[in-house]
C-alpha atoms as a PDB file:
ATOM      1  CA  MET A   1     122.239 133.290 118.928  1.00  0.00           C
ATOM      2  CA  LYS A   2     125.920 133.206 119.752  1.00  0.00           C
ATOM      3  CA  GLU A   3     128.628 131.606 117.620  1.00  0.00           C
ATOM      4  CA  ILE A   4     129.765 128.212 118.889  1.00  0.00           C
ATOM      5  CA  ILE A   5     131.670 125.146 117.712  1.00  0.00           C
ATOM      6  CA  THR A   6     130.848 121.787 119.269  1.00  0.00           C
ATOM      7  CA  SER A   7     132.212 118.270 118.999  1.00  0.00           C
ATOM      8  CA  THR A   8     130.117 115.131 119.070  1.00  0.00           C
ATOM      9  CA  ASP A   9     131.054 111.799 120.570  1.00  0.00           C
ATOM     10  CA  LEU A  10     129.130 108.946 118.934  1.00  0.00           C
ATOM     11  CA  LYS A  11     129.303 107.173 122.318  1.00  0.00           C
ATOM     12  CA  ASP A  12     126.577 109.634 123.402  1.00  0.00           C
ATOM     13  CA  GLU A  13     124.132 107.733 121.186  1.00  0.00           C
ATOM     14  CA  TYR A  14     120.968 106.553 122.950  1.00  0.00           C
ATOM     15  CA  TYR A  15     118.216 104.079 122.041  1.00  0.00           C
ATOM     16  CA  THR A  16     114.654 105.384 121.661  1.00  0.00           C
ATOM     17  CA  SER A  17     111.245 103.750 121.972  1.00  0.00           C
ATOM     18  CA  GLU A  18     110.938 104.484 118.251  1.00  0.00           C
ATOM     19  CA  ARG A  19     113.380 101.556 117.693  1.00  0.00           C
ATOM     20  CA  CYS A  20     116.331 103.612 116.533  1.00  0.00           C
ATOM     21  CA  TYR A  21     119.491 105.134 117.984  1.00  0.00           C
ATOM     22  CA  ILE A  22     119.926 108.918 118.207  1.00  0.00           C
ATOM     23  CA  THR A  23     122.952 111.149 118.673  1.00  0.00           C
ATOM     24  CA  GLU A  24     122.057 114.805 119.178  1.00  0.00           C
ATOM     25  CA  LEU A  25     124.403 116.909 117.032  1.00  0.00           C
ATOM     26  CA  SER A  26     122.773 120.280 117.613  1.00  0.00           C
ATOM     27  CA  ASN A  27     119.682 120.777 119.753  1.00  0.00           C
ATOM     28  CA  SER A  28     119.701 123.616 122.257  1.00  0.00           C
ATOM     29  CA  ASP A  29     118.039 126.834 123.327  1.00  0.00           C
ATOM     30  CA  ASN A  30     120.989 128.646 121.704  1.00  0.00           C
ATOM     31  CA  ASP A  31     119.600 127.702 118.274  1.00  0.00           C
ATOM     32  CA  PRO A  32     115.813 127.291 118.633  1.00  0.00           C
ATOM     33  CA  ASP A  33     115.153 127.452 114.891  1.00  0.00           C
ATOM     34  CA  VAL A  34     116.688 124.077 114.017  1.00  0.00           C
ATOM     35  CA  SER A  35     117.983 120.814 115.460  1.00  0.00           C
ATOM     36  CA  ILE A  36     120.173 118.157 113.885  1.00  0.00           C
ATOM     37  CA  ALA A  37     120.382 114.559 115.045  1.00  0.00           C
ATOM     38  CA  ARG A  38     122.173 111.511 113.693  1.00  0.00           C
ATOM     39  CA  ALA A  39     119.780 108.553 113.536  1.00  0.00           C
ATOM     40  CA  ARG A  40     120.824 104.927 113.177  1.00  0.00           C
ATOM     41  CA  VAL A  41     118.467 102.054 112.359  1.00  0.00           C
ATOM     42  CA  GLU A  42     119.796  98.517 112.498  1.00  0.00           C
ATOM     43  CA  PRO A  43     119.247  96.025 109.627  1.00  0.00           C
ATOM     44  CA  GLY A  44     115.753  94.539 109.549  1.00  0.00           C
ATOM     45  CA  ILE A  45     114.296  97.127 111.944  1.00  0.00           C
ATOM     46  CA  THR A  46     111.297  99.356 111.182  1.00  0.00           C
ATOM     47  CA  ALA A  47     110.887 102.505 113.260  1.00  0.00           C
ATOM     48  CA  CYS A  48     107.506 103.228 114.838  1.00  0.00           C
ATOM     49  CA  TRP A  49     104.825 105.284 113.125  1.00  0.00           C
ATOM     50  CA  HIS A  50     104.965 108.826 114.493  1.00  0.00           C
ATOM     51  CA  ARG A  51     104.450 112.474 113.595  1.00  0.00           C
ATOM     52  CA  LEU A  52     105.743 115.814 114.814  1.00  0.00           C
ATOM     53  CA  LYS A  53     103.412 118.602 115.896  1.00  0.00           C
ATOM     54  CA  GLY A  54     104.361 122.020 114.527  1.00  0.00           C
ATOM     55  CA  THR A  55     107.761 120.817 113.317  1.00  0.00           C
ATOM     56  CA  ILE A  56     109.082 120.162 109.822  1.00  0.00           C
ATOM     57  CA  GLU A  57     111.514 117.254 109.615  1.00  0.00           C
ATOM     58  CA  ARG A  58     113.991 116.368 106.917  1.00  0.00           C
ATOM     59  CA  TYR A  59     115.866 113.086 106.607  1.00  0.00           C
ATOM     60  CA  TYR A  60     119.185 113.227 104.794  1.00  0.00           C
ATOM     61  CA  ILE A  61     120.419 109.681 104.167  1.00  0.00           C
ATOM     62  CA  LEU A  62     124.147 109.303 104.870  1.00  0.00           C
ATOM     63  CA  SER A  63     124.576 105.548 104.380  1.00  0.00           C
ATOM     64  CA  GLY A  64     122.624 102.343 104.039  1.00  0.00           C
ATOM     65  CA  THR A  65     119.389 101.475 102.287  1.00  0.00           C
ATOM     66  CA  GLY A  66     115.886 101.918 103.587  1.00  0.00           C
ATOM     67  CA  LEU A  67     112.208 102.152 102.847  1.00  0.00           C
ATOM     68  CA  VAL A  68     110.516 105.362 103.929  1.00  0.00           C
ATOM     69  CA  GLU A  69     106.774 105.824 104.393  1.00  0.00           C
ATOM     70  CA  VAL A  70     105.574 109.415 104.598  1.00  0.00           C
ATOM     71  CA  GLY A  71     101.984 110.636 104.607  1.00  0.00           C
ATOM     72  CA  SER A  72      99.996 109.366 101.637  1.00  0.00           C
ATOM     73  CA  LEU A  73     103.035 108.722  99.422  1.00  0.00           C
ATOM     74  CA  PRO A  74     103.688 105.115  98.429  1.00  0.00           C
ATOM     75  CA  PRO A  75     106.633 103.529 100.289  1.00  0.00           C
ATOM     76  CA  GLN A  76     109.892 104.556  98.626  1.00  0.00           C
ATOM     77  CA  GLN A  77     113.427 103.205  98.724  1.00  0.00           C
ATOM     78  CA  VAL A  78     116.046 105.651  99.988  1.00  0.00           C
ATOM     79  CA  ASN A  79     119.816 105.520  99.671  1.00  0.00           C
ATOM     80  CA  ALA A  80     122.800 107.683 100.535  1.00  0.00           C
ATOM     81  CA  GLY A  81     122.301 111.207  99.182  1.00  0.00           C
ATOM     82  CA  ASP A  82     118.485 111.141  99.294  1.00  0.00           C
ATOM     83  CA  THR A  83     116.488 113.772 101.186  1.00  0.00           C
ATOM     84  CA  VAL A  84     112.974 113.234 102.563  1.00  0.00           C
ATOM     85  CA  LEU A  85     110.836 116.292 103.434  1.00  0.00           C
ATOM     86  CA  ILE A  86     108.203 115.658 106.110  1.00  0.00           C
ATOM     87  CA  PRO A  87     105.617 118.386 106.872  1.00  0.00           C
ATOM     88  CA  PRO A  88     104.254 118.899 110.405  1.00  0.00           C
ATOM     89  CA  MET A  89     101.665 116.296 111.539  1.00  0.00           C
ATOM     90  CA  CYS A  90     102.593 113.987 108.652  1.00  0.00           C
ATOM     91  CA  ARG A  91     102.793 110.322 109.658  1.00  0.00           C
ATOM     92  CA  GLN A  92     106.170 108.771 109.017  1.00  0.00           C
ATOM     93  CA  ARG A  93     108.406 105.780 109.586  1.00  0.00           C
ATOM     94  CA  ILE A  94     111.539 104.307 108.068  1.00  0.00           C
ATOM     95  CA  SER A  95     112.774 100.730 107.704  1.00  0.00           C
ATOM     96  CA  ASN A  96     116.276  99.454 107.194  1.00  0.00           C
ATOM     97  CA  THR A  97     116.071  97.087 104.236  1.00  0.00           C
ATOM     98  CA  GLY A  98     119.817  96.617 103.835  1.00  0.00           C
ATOM     99  CA  SER A  99     122.519  94.541 105.506  1.00  0.00           C
ATOM    100  CA  GLU A 100     124.311  97.468 107.184  1.00  0.00           C
ATOM    101  CA  ASP A 101     123.117 100.210 109.504  1.00  0.00           C
ATOM    102  CA  LEU A 102     120.892 102.885 107.934  1.00  0.00           C
ATOM    103  CA  ILE A 103     122.292 106.233 109.057  1.00  0.00           C
ATOM    104  CA  PHE A 104     120.671 109.590 108.383  1.00  0.00           C
ATOM    105  CA  LEU A 105     120.450 113.126 109.663  1.00  0.00           C
ATOM    106  CA  ALA A 106     117.112 114.230 111.099  1.00  0.00           C
ATOM    107  CA  ILE A 107     116.922 118.008 110.703  1.00  0.00           C
ATOM    108  CA  CYS A 108     113.963 119.679 112.422  1.00  0.00           C
ATOM    109  CA  SER A 109     112.649 123.227 112.338  1.00  0.00           C
ATOM    110  CA  PRO A 110     111.842 124.556 114.771  1.00  0.00           C
ATOM    111  CA  ARG A 111     114.146 122.383 116.870  1.00  0.00           C
ATOM    112  CA  PHE A 112     112.933 119.000 118.100  1.00  0.00           C
ATOM    113  CA  THR A 113     111.609 118.741 121.650  1.00  0.00           C
ATOM    114  CA  ASP A 114     109.930 115.768 123.316  1.00  0.00           C
ATOM    115  CA  GLU A 115     106.646 117.714 123.396  1.00  0.00           C
ATOM    116  CA  VAL A 116     106.282 117.702 119.572  1.00  0.00           C
ATOM    117  CA  TYR A 117     106.660 113.911 119.219  1.00  0.00           C
ATOM    118  CA  GLN A 118     103.433 111.942 118.786  1.00  0.00           C
ATOM    119  CA  ASP A 119     103.562 108.135 118.766  1.00  0.00           C
ATOM    120  CA  MET A 120     101.000 106.694 116.352  1.00  0.00           C
ATOM    121  CA  GLU A 121     101.256 103.016 117.311  1.00  0.00           C
END
């Protein structure tokens, strides 16, 4: 790994088939142990059921209100400041239950790649 400082332009956000918007903040071969993405879910939207193979994911809620469903846990409300830990192969989805965008960081280790994503719908 080599030291680096990067800037992010929120205009680089893209829409996914999971029904949310993603901005990659850090996801490269230079740092294979972790990736960080900014996720945005619009009001009234529920992301698709999915799981990640061989990758631990953490949601850190930055703003908004949502309902998260993870594994066998009952659905739980999440708000700014909450962290959700999601083990590998654990089914997951999040809904925006508020009136403003739900924005959170998705932190994956090892880093997220398209190959680890498994759609469950």
